[in-house]
Amino acid sequence: MPARKKNKRVDQNTDHTRLLEQDENFYFIAGYTDGGFPYGITWEEYEAEQRRESTKVNVTGDDHLKEFEID
């Protein structure tokens, strides 16, 4: 009789929010250096990007979408 492969059970209640690693300095930790230091997106970088996104104004005309940034 051939050996049966064991099917891994997937837990449907897995908390996927734990996959996003953060700390007080980094909004998203992409990885760690060989020395153990984290690298990724800092909270300041994330917040600056959010501010830039909120200042963009979309204007439609001639069936084209134009995007302008307000300084």
PDB file of N, CA and C in Angstrom:
ATOM      1  N   MET A   1       0.849  -1.171   0.000  1.00  0.00           N
ATOM      2  CA  MET A   1       0.000   0.000   0.000  1.00  0.00           C
ATOM      3  C   MET A   1       0.900   1.241   0.000  1.00  0.00           C
ATOM      4  N   PRO A   2       0.657   2.211  -0.924  1.00  0.00           N
ATOM      5  CA  PRO A   2       1.507   3.411  -0.981  1.00  0.00           C
ATOM      6  C   PRO A   2       1.296   4.297   0.240  1.00  0.00           C
ATOM      7  N   ALA A   3       2.354   4.978   0.603  1.00  0.00           N
ATOM      8  CA  ALA A   3       2.269   5.885   1.755  1.00  0.00           C
ATOM      9  C   ALA A   3       1.399   7.086   1.402  1.00  0.00           C
ATOM     10  N   ARG A   4       0.603   7.517   2.345  1.00  0.00           N
ATOM     11  CA  ARG A   4      -0.260   8.675   2.135  1.00  0.00           C
ATOM     12  C   ARG A   4       0.443   9.942   2.623  1.00  0.00           C
ATOM     13  N   LYS A   5       0.282  10.975   1.855  1.00  0.00           N
ATOM     14  CA  LYS A   5       0.825  12.265   2.286  1.00  0.00           C
ATOM     15  C   LYS A   5      -0.113  12.869   3.308  1.00  0.00           C
ATOM     16  N   LYS A   6       0.474  13.417   4.329  1.00  0.00           N
ATOM     17  CA  LYS A   6      -0.343  14.098   5.334  1.00  0.00           C
ATOM     18  C   LYS A   6      -0.674  15.493   4.827  1.00  0.00           C
ATOM     19  N   ASN A   7      -1.927  15.810   4.859  1.00  0.00           N
ATOM     20  CA  ASN A   7      -2.352  17.162   4.476  1.00  0.00           C
ATOM     21  C   ASN A   7      -2.200  18.081   5.675  1.00  0.00           C
ATOM     22  N   LYS A   8      -1.540  19.196   5.422  1.00  0.00           N
ATOM     23  CA  LYS A   8      -1.409  20.183   6.498  1.00  0.00           C
ATOM     24  C   LYS A   8      -2.742  20.907   6.647  1.00  0.00           C
ATOM     25  N   ARG A   9      -3.205  20.970   7.851  1.00  0.00           N
ATOM     26  CA  ARG A   9      -4.448  21.670   8.128  1.00  0.00           C
ATOM     27  C   ARG A   9      -4.175  23.165   8.191  1.00  0.00           C
ATOM     28  N   VAL A  10      -4.945  23.923   7.477  1.00  0.00           N
ATOM     29  CA  VAL A  10      -4.802  25.374   7.486  1.00  0.00           C
ATOM     30  C   VAL A  10      -5.783  25.923   8.501  1.00  0.00           C
ATOM     31  N   ASP A  11      -5.271  26.670   9.440  1.00  0.00           N
ATOM     32  CA  ASP A  11      -6.114  27.271  10.465  1.00  0.00           C
ATOM     33  C   ASP A  11      -6.784  28.509   9.887  1.00  0.00           C
ATOM     34  N   GLN A  12      -8.078  28.462   9.715  1.00  0.00           N
ATOM     35  CA  GLN A  12      -8.824  29.570   9.130  1.00  0.00           C
ATOM     36  C   GLN A  12      -8.895  30.773  10.054  1.00  0.00           C
ATOM     37  N   ASN A  13      -8.603  30.598  11.325  1.00  0.00           N
ATOM     38  CA  ASN A  13      -8.691  31.689  12.292  1.00  0.00           C
ATOM     39  C   ASN A  13      -7.338  32.332  12.551  1.00  0.00           C
ATOM     40  N   THR A  14      -6.371  32.138  11.656  1.00  0.00           N
ATOM     41  CA  THR A  14      -5.042  32.703  11.834  1.00  0.00           C
ATOM     42  C   THR A  14      -5.127  34.224  11.812  1.00  0.00           C
ATOM     43  N   ASP A  15      -4.461  34.864  12.744  1.00  0.00           N
ATOM     44  CA  ASP A  15      -4.438  36.320  12.821  1.00  0.00           C
ATOM     45  C   ASP A  15      -3.368  36.833  11.861  1.00  0.00           C
ATOM     46  N   HIS A  16      -3.780  37.329  10.698  1.00  0.00           N
ATOM     47  CA  HIS A  16      -2.834  37.790   9.684  1.00  0.00           C
ATOM     48  C   HIS A  16      -2.219  39.138  10.032  1.00  0.00           C
ATOM     49  N   THR A  17      -2.766  39.860  10.982  1.00  0.00           N
ATOM     50  CA  THR A  17      -2.185  41.142  11.349  1.00  0.00           C
ATOM     51  C   THR A  17      -0.834  40.967  12.019  1.00  0.00           C
ATOM     52  N   ARG A  18      -0.560  39.785  12.533  1.00  0.00           N
ATOM     53  CA  ARG A  18       0.729  39.550  13.179  1.00  0.00           C
ATOM     54  C   ARG A  18       1.843  39.424  12.150  1.00  0.00           C
ATOM     55  N   LEU A  19       1.493  39.294  10.856  1.00  0.00           N
ATOM     56  CA  LEU A  19       2.491  39.188   9.804  1.00  0.00           C
ATOM     57  C   LEU A  19       3.179  40.521   9.552  1.00  0.00           C
ATOM     58  N   LEU A  20       2.515  41.620   9.892  1.00  0.00           N
ATOM     59  CA  LEU A  20       3.086  42.951   9.737  1.00  0.00           C
ATOM     60  C   LEU A  20       3.871  43.272  10.999  1.00  0.00           C
ATOM     61  N   GLU A  21       5.186  43.300  10.864  1.00  0.00           N
ATOM     62  CA  GLU A  21       6.027  43.528  12.034  1.00  0.00           C
ATOM     63  C   GLU A  21       6.321  45.018  12.170  1.00  0.00           C
ATOM     64  N   GLN A  22       6.106  45.563  13.376  1.00  0.00           N
ATOM     65  CA  GLN A  22       6.308  46.971  13.668  1.00  0.00           C
ATOM     66  C   GLN A  22       6.996  47.126  15.017  1.00  0.00           C
ATOM     67  N   ASP A  23       7.546  48.309  15.232  1.00  0.00           N
ATOM     68  CA  ASP A  23       8.029  48.680  16.560  1.00  0.00           C
ATOM     69  C   ASP A  23       7.898  50.188  16.694  1.00  0.00           C
ATOM     70  N   GLU A  24       8.485  50.771  17.716  1.00  0.00           N
ATOM     71  CA  GLU A  24       8.323  52.211  17.932  1.00  0.00           C
ATOM     72  C   GLU A  24       9.034  53.050  16.870  1.00  0.00           C
ATOM     73  N   ASN A  25       9.997  52.486  16.144  1.00  0.00           N
ATOM     74  CA  ASN A  25      10.726  53.224  15.116  1.00  0.00           C
ATOM     75  C   ASN A  25      10.257  52.906  13.698  1.00  0.00           C
ATOM     76  N   PHE A  26       9.808  51.676  13.467  1.00  0.00           N
ATOM     77  CA  PHE A  26       9.473  51.235  12.123  1.00  0.00           C
ATOM     78  C   PHE A  26       7.989  50.910  11.989  1.00  0.00           C
ATOM     79  N   TYR A  27       7.364  51.516  10.970  1.00  0.00           N
ATOM     80  CA  TYR A  27       5.976  51.186  10.624  1.00  0.00           C
ATOM     81  C   TYR A  27       5.931  49.781  10.038  1.00  0.00           C
ATOM     82  N   PHE A  28       6.919  49.444   9.202  1.00  0.00           N
ATOM     83  CA  PHE A  28       7.009  48.121   8.593  1.00  0.00           C
ATOM     84  C   PHE A  28       8.460  47.666   8.627  1.00  0.00           C
ATOM     85  N   ILE A  29       8.712  46.556   9.272  1.00  0.00           N
ATOM     86  CA  ILE A  29      10.062  45.992   9.308  1.00  0.00           C
ATOM     87  C   ILE A  29      10.154  44.957   8.198  1.00  0.00           C
ATOM     88  N   ALA A  30      10.975  45.275   7.189  1.00  0.00           N
ATOM     89  CA  ALA A  30      11.121  44.393   6.031  1.00  0.00           C
ATOM     90  C   ALA A  30      12.066  43.236   6.324  1.00  0.00           C
ATOM     91  N   GLY A  31      13.010  43.448   7.234  1.00  0.00           N
ATOM     92  CA  GLY A  31      13.967  42.404   7.553  1.00  0.00           C
ATOM     93  C   GLY A  31      14.978  42.905   8.561  1.00  0.00           C
ATOM     94  N   TYR A  32      16.011  42.110   8.745  1.00  0.00           N
ATOM     95  CA  TYR A  32      17.057  42.441   9.707  1.00  0.00           C
ATOM     96  C   TYR A  32      18.421  42.249   9.053  1.00  0.00           C
ATOM     97  N   THR A  33      19.360  43.119   9.413  1.00  0.00           N
ATOM     98  CA  THR A  33      20.720  42.980   8.904  1.00  0.00           C
ATOM     99  C   THR A  33      21.388  41.793   9.587  1.00  0.00           C
ATOM    100  N   ASP A  34      22.576  41.430   9.101  1.00  0.00           N
ATOM    101  CA  ASP A  34      23.325  40.342   9.723  1.00  0.00           C
ATOM    102  C   ASP A  34      23.642  40.657  11.180  1.00  0.00           C
ATOM    103  N   GLY A  35      23.747  41.938  11.500  1.00  0.00           N
ATOM    104  CA  GLY A  35      24.015  42.359  12.870  1.00  0.00           C
ATOM    105  C   GLY A  35      22.767  42.405  13.751  1.00  0.00           C
ATOM    106  N   GLY A  36      21.603  42.117  13.164  1.00  0.00           N
ATOM    107  CA  GLY A  36      20.373  42.082  13.944  1.00  0.00           C
ATOM    108  C   GLY A  36      19.591  43.382  13.977  1.00  0.00           C
ATOM    109  N   PHE A  37      20.009  44.382  13.179  1.00  0.00           N
ATOM    110  CA  PHE A  37      19.314  45.660  13.166  1.00  0.00           C
ATOM    111  C   PHE A  37      18.169  45.622  12.149  1.00  0.00           C
ATOM    112  N   PRO A  38      16.995  46.138  12.522  1.00  0.00           N
ATOM    113  CA  PRO A  38      15.863  46.120  11.597  1.00  0.00           C
ATOM    114  C   PRO A  38      16.018  47.179  10.508  1.00  0.00           C
ATOM    115  N   TYR A  39      15.393  46.909   9.360  1.00  0.00           N
ATOM    116  CA  TYR A  39      15.303  47.905   8.304  1.00  0.00           C
ATOM    117  C   TYR A  39      13.927  47.812   7.678  1.00  0.00           C
ATOM    118  N   GLY A  40      13.494  48.937   7.107  1.00  0.00           N
ATOM    119  CA  GLY A  40      12.167  48.968   6.501  1.00  0.00           C
ATOM    120  C   GLY A  40      11.679  50.398   6.390  1.00  0.00           C
ATOM    121  N   ILE A  41      10.387  50.598   6.583  1.00  0.00           N
ATOM    122  CA  ILE A  41       9.761  51.918   6.476  1.00  0.00           C
ATOM    123  C   ILE A  41       9.553  52.482   7.874  1.00  0.00           C
ATOM    124  N   THR A  42      10.137  53.658   8.116  1.00  0.00           N
ATOM    125  CA  THR A  42       9.981  54.282   9.427  1.00  0.00           C
ATOM    126  C   THR A  42       8.606  54.926   9.534  1.00  0.00           C
ATOM    127  N   TRP A  43       8.204  55.209  10.763  1.00  0.00           N
ATOM    128  CA  TRP A  43       6.930  55.893  10.985  1.00  0.00           C
ATOM    129  C   TRP A  43       6.932  57.254  10.301  1.00  0.00           C
ATOM    130  N   GLU A  44       8.064  57.979  10.311  1.00  0.00           N
ATOM    131  CA  GLU A  44       8.147  59.287   9.679  1.00  0.00           C
ATOM    132  C   GLU A  44       7.944  59.174   8.172  1.00  0.00           C
ATOM    133  N   GLU A  45       8.569  58.166   7.543  1.00  0.00           N
ATOM    134  CA  GLU A  45       8.397  57.967   6.105  1.00  0.00           C
ATOM    135  C   GLU A  45       6.943  57.631   5.764  1.00  0.00           C
ATOM    136  N   TYR A  46       6.339  56.768   6.564  1.00  0.00           N
ATOM    137  CA  TYR A  46       4.955  56.376   6.340  1.00  0.00           C
ATOM    138  C   TYR A  46       4.021  57.578   6.468  1.00  0.00           C
ATOM    139  N   GLU A  47       4.188  58.376   7.517  1.00  0.00           N
ATOM    140  CA  GLU A  47       3.328  59.538   7.741  1.00  0.00           C
ATOM    141  C   GLU A  47       3.529  60.595   6.661  1.00  0.00           C
ATOM    142  N   ALA A  48       4.769  60.792   6.188  1.00  0.00           N
ATOM    143  CA  ALA A  48       5.022  61.748   5.112  1.00  0.00           C
ATOM    144  C   ALA A  48       4.321  61.306   3.836  1.00  0.00           C
ATOM    145  N   GLU A  49       4.355  60.028   3.548  1.00  0.00           N
ATOM    146  CA  GLU A  49       3.672  59.499   2.360  1.00  0.00           C
ATOM    147  C   GLU A  49       2.160  59.670   2.482  1.00  0.00           C
ATOM    148  N   GLN A  50       1.615  59.465   3.663  1.00  0.00           N
ATOM    149  CA  GLN A  50       0.180  59.649   3.869  1.00  0.00           C
ATOM    150  C   GLN A  50      -0.214  61.112   3.673  1.00  0.00           C
ATOM    151  N   ARG A  51       0.620  62.035   4.115  1.00  0.00           N
ATOM    152  CA  ARG A  51       0.343  63.468   3.918  1.00  0.00           C
ATOM    153  C   ARG A  51       0.382  63.817   2.433  1.00  0.00           C
ATOM    154  N   ARG A  52       1.362  63.272   1.698  1.00  0.00           N
ATOM    155  CA  ARG A  52       1.450  63.543   0.263  1.00  0.00           C
ATOM    156  C   ARG A  52       0.220  63.018  -0.458  1.00  0.00           C
ATOM    157  N   GLU A  53      -0.239  61.829  -0.099  1.00  0.00           N
ATOM    158  CA  GLU A  53      -1.422  61.254  -0.739  1.00  0.00           C
ATOM    159  C   GLU A  53      -2.660  62.109  -0.477  1.00  0.00           C
ATOM    160  N   SER A  54      -2.756  62.682   0.708  1.00  0.00           N
ATOM    161  CA  SER A  54      -3.946  63.463   1.038  1.00  0.00           C
ATOM    162  C   SER A  54      -3.933  64.837   0.384  1.00  0.00           C
ATOM    163  N   THR A  55      -2.782  65.298  -0.135  1.00  0.00           N
ATOM    164  CA  THR A  55      -2.730  66.605  -0.779  1.00  0.00           C
ATOM    165  C   THR A  55      -2.852  66.523  -2.286  1.00  0.00           C
ATOM    166  N   LYS A  56      -2.977  65.334  -2.853  1.00  0.00           N
ATOM    167  CA  LYS A  56      -3.132  65.201  -4.296  1.00  0.00           C
ATOM    168  C   LYS A  56      -4.568  65.527  -4.686  1.00  0.00           C
ATOM    169  N   VAL A  57      -4.691  66.247  -5.775  1.00  0.00           N
ATOM    170  CA  VAL A  57      -6.007  66.623  -6.268  1.00  0.00           C
ATOM    171  C   VAL A  57      -6.163  66.006  -7.650  1.00  0.00           C
ATOM    172  N   ASN A  58      -7.226  65.281  -7.864  1.00  0.00           N
ATOM    173  CA  ASN A  58      -7.505  64.688  -9.164  1.00  0.00           C
ATOM    174  C   ASN A  58      -8.488  65.562  -9.922  1.00  0.00           C
ATOM    175  N   VAL A  59      -8.127  65.877 -11.169  1.00  0.00           N
ATOM    176  CA  VAL A  59      -8.964  66.706 -12.014  1.00  0.00           C
ATOM    177  C   VAL A  59      -9.248  65.914 -13.282  1.00  0.00           C
ATOM    178  N   THR A  60     -10.530  65.805 -13.654  1.00  0.00           N
ATOM    179  CA  THR A  60     -10.877  65.093 -14.881  1.00  0.00           C
ATOM    180  C   THR A  60     -11.173  66.090 -15.978  1.00  0.00           C
ATOM    181  N   GLY A  61     -10.862  65.681 -17.192  1.00  0.00           N
ATOM    182  CA  GLY A  61     -11.146  66.518 -18.348  1.00  0.00           C
ATOM    183  C   GLY A  61     -10.701  65.809 -19.608  1.00  0.00           C
ATOM    184  N   ASP A  62     -11.441  65.961 -20.673  1.00  0.00           N
ATOM    185  CA  ASP A  62     -11.115  65.330 -21.955  1.00  0.00           C
ATOM    186  C   ASP A  62     -10.901  63.834 -21.820  1.00  0.00           C
ATOM    187  N   ASP A  63     -11.705  63.164 -21.008  1.00  0.00           N
ATOM    188  CA  ASP A  63     -11.625  61.711 -20.801  1.00  0.00           C
ATOM    189  C   ASP A  63     -10.261  61.260 -20.268  1.00  0.00           C
ATOM    190  N   HIS A  64      -9.506  62.167 -19.665  1.00  0.00           N
ATOM    191  CA  HIS A  64      -8.207  61.811 -19.078  1.00  0.00           C
ATOM    192  C   HIS A  64      -8.217  62.211 -17.610  1.00  0.00           C
ATOM    193  N   LEU A  65      -7.504  61.478 -16.816  1.00  0.00           N
ATOM    194  CA  LEU A  65      -7.375  61.791 -15.400  1.00  0.00           C
ATOM    195  C   LEU A  65      -6.009  62.431 -15.194  1.00  0.00           C
ATOM    196  N   LYS A  66      -6.013  63.644 -14.686  1.00  0.00           N
ATOM    197  CA  LYS A  66      -4.756  64.344 -14.427  1.00  0.00           C
ATOM    198  C   LYS A  66      -4.594  64.460 -12.925  1.00  0.00           C
ATOM    199  N   GLU A  67      -3.374  64.297 -12.460  1.00  0.00           N
ATOM    200  CA  GLU A  67      -3.099  64.334 -11.022  1.00  0.00           C
ATOM    201  C   GLU A  67      -2.118  65.459 -10.748  1.00  0.00           C
ATOM    202  N   PHE A  68      -2.488  66.329  -9.824  1.00  0.00           N
ATOM    203  CA  PHE A  68      -1.640  67.454  -9.442  1.00  0.00           C
ATOM    204  C   PHE A  68      -1.335  67.344  -7.960  1.00  0.00           C
ATOM    205  N   GLU A  69      -0.134  67.746  -7.560  1.00  0.00           N
ATOM    206  CA  GLU A  69       0.203  67.802  -6.140  1.00  0.00           C
ATOM    207  C   GLU A  69       0.182  69.255  -5.703  1.00  0.00           C
ATOM    208  N   ILE A  70      -0.413  69.499  -4.569  1.00  0.00           N
ATOM    209  CA  ILE A  70      -0.465  70.832  -3.986  1.00  0.00           C
ATOM    210  C   ILE A  70       0.682  70.958  -2.998  1.00  0.00           C
ATOM    211  N   ASP A  71       1.488  71.979  -3.172  1.00  0.00           N
ATOM    212  CA  ASP A  71       2.632  72.171  -2.264  1.00  0.00           C
ATOM    213  C   ASP A  71       2.226  72.940  -1.040  1.00  0.00           C
TER     214      ASP A  71
END
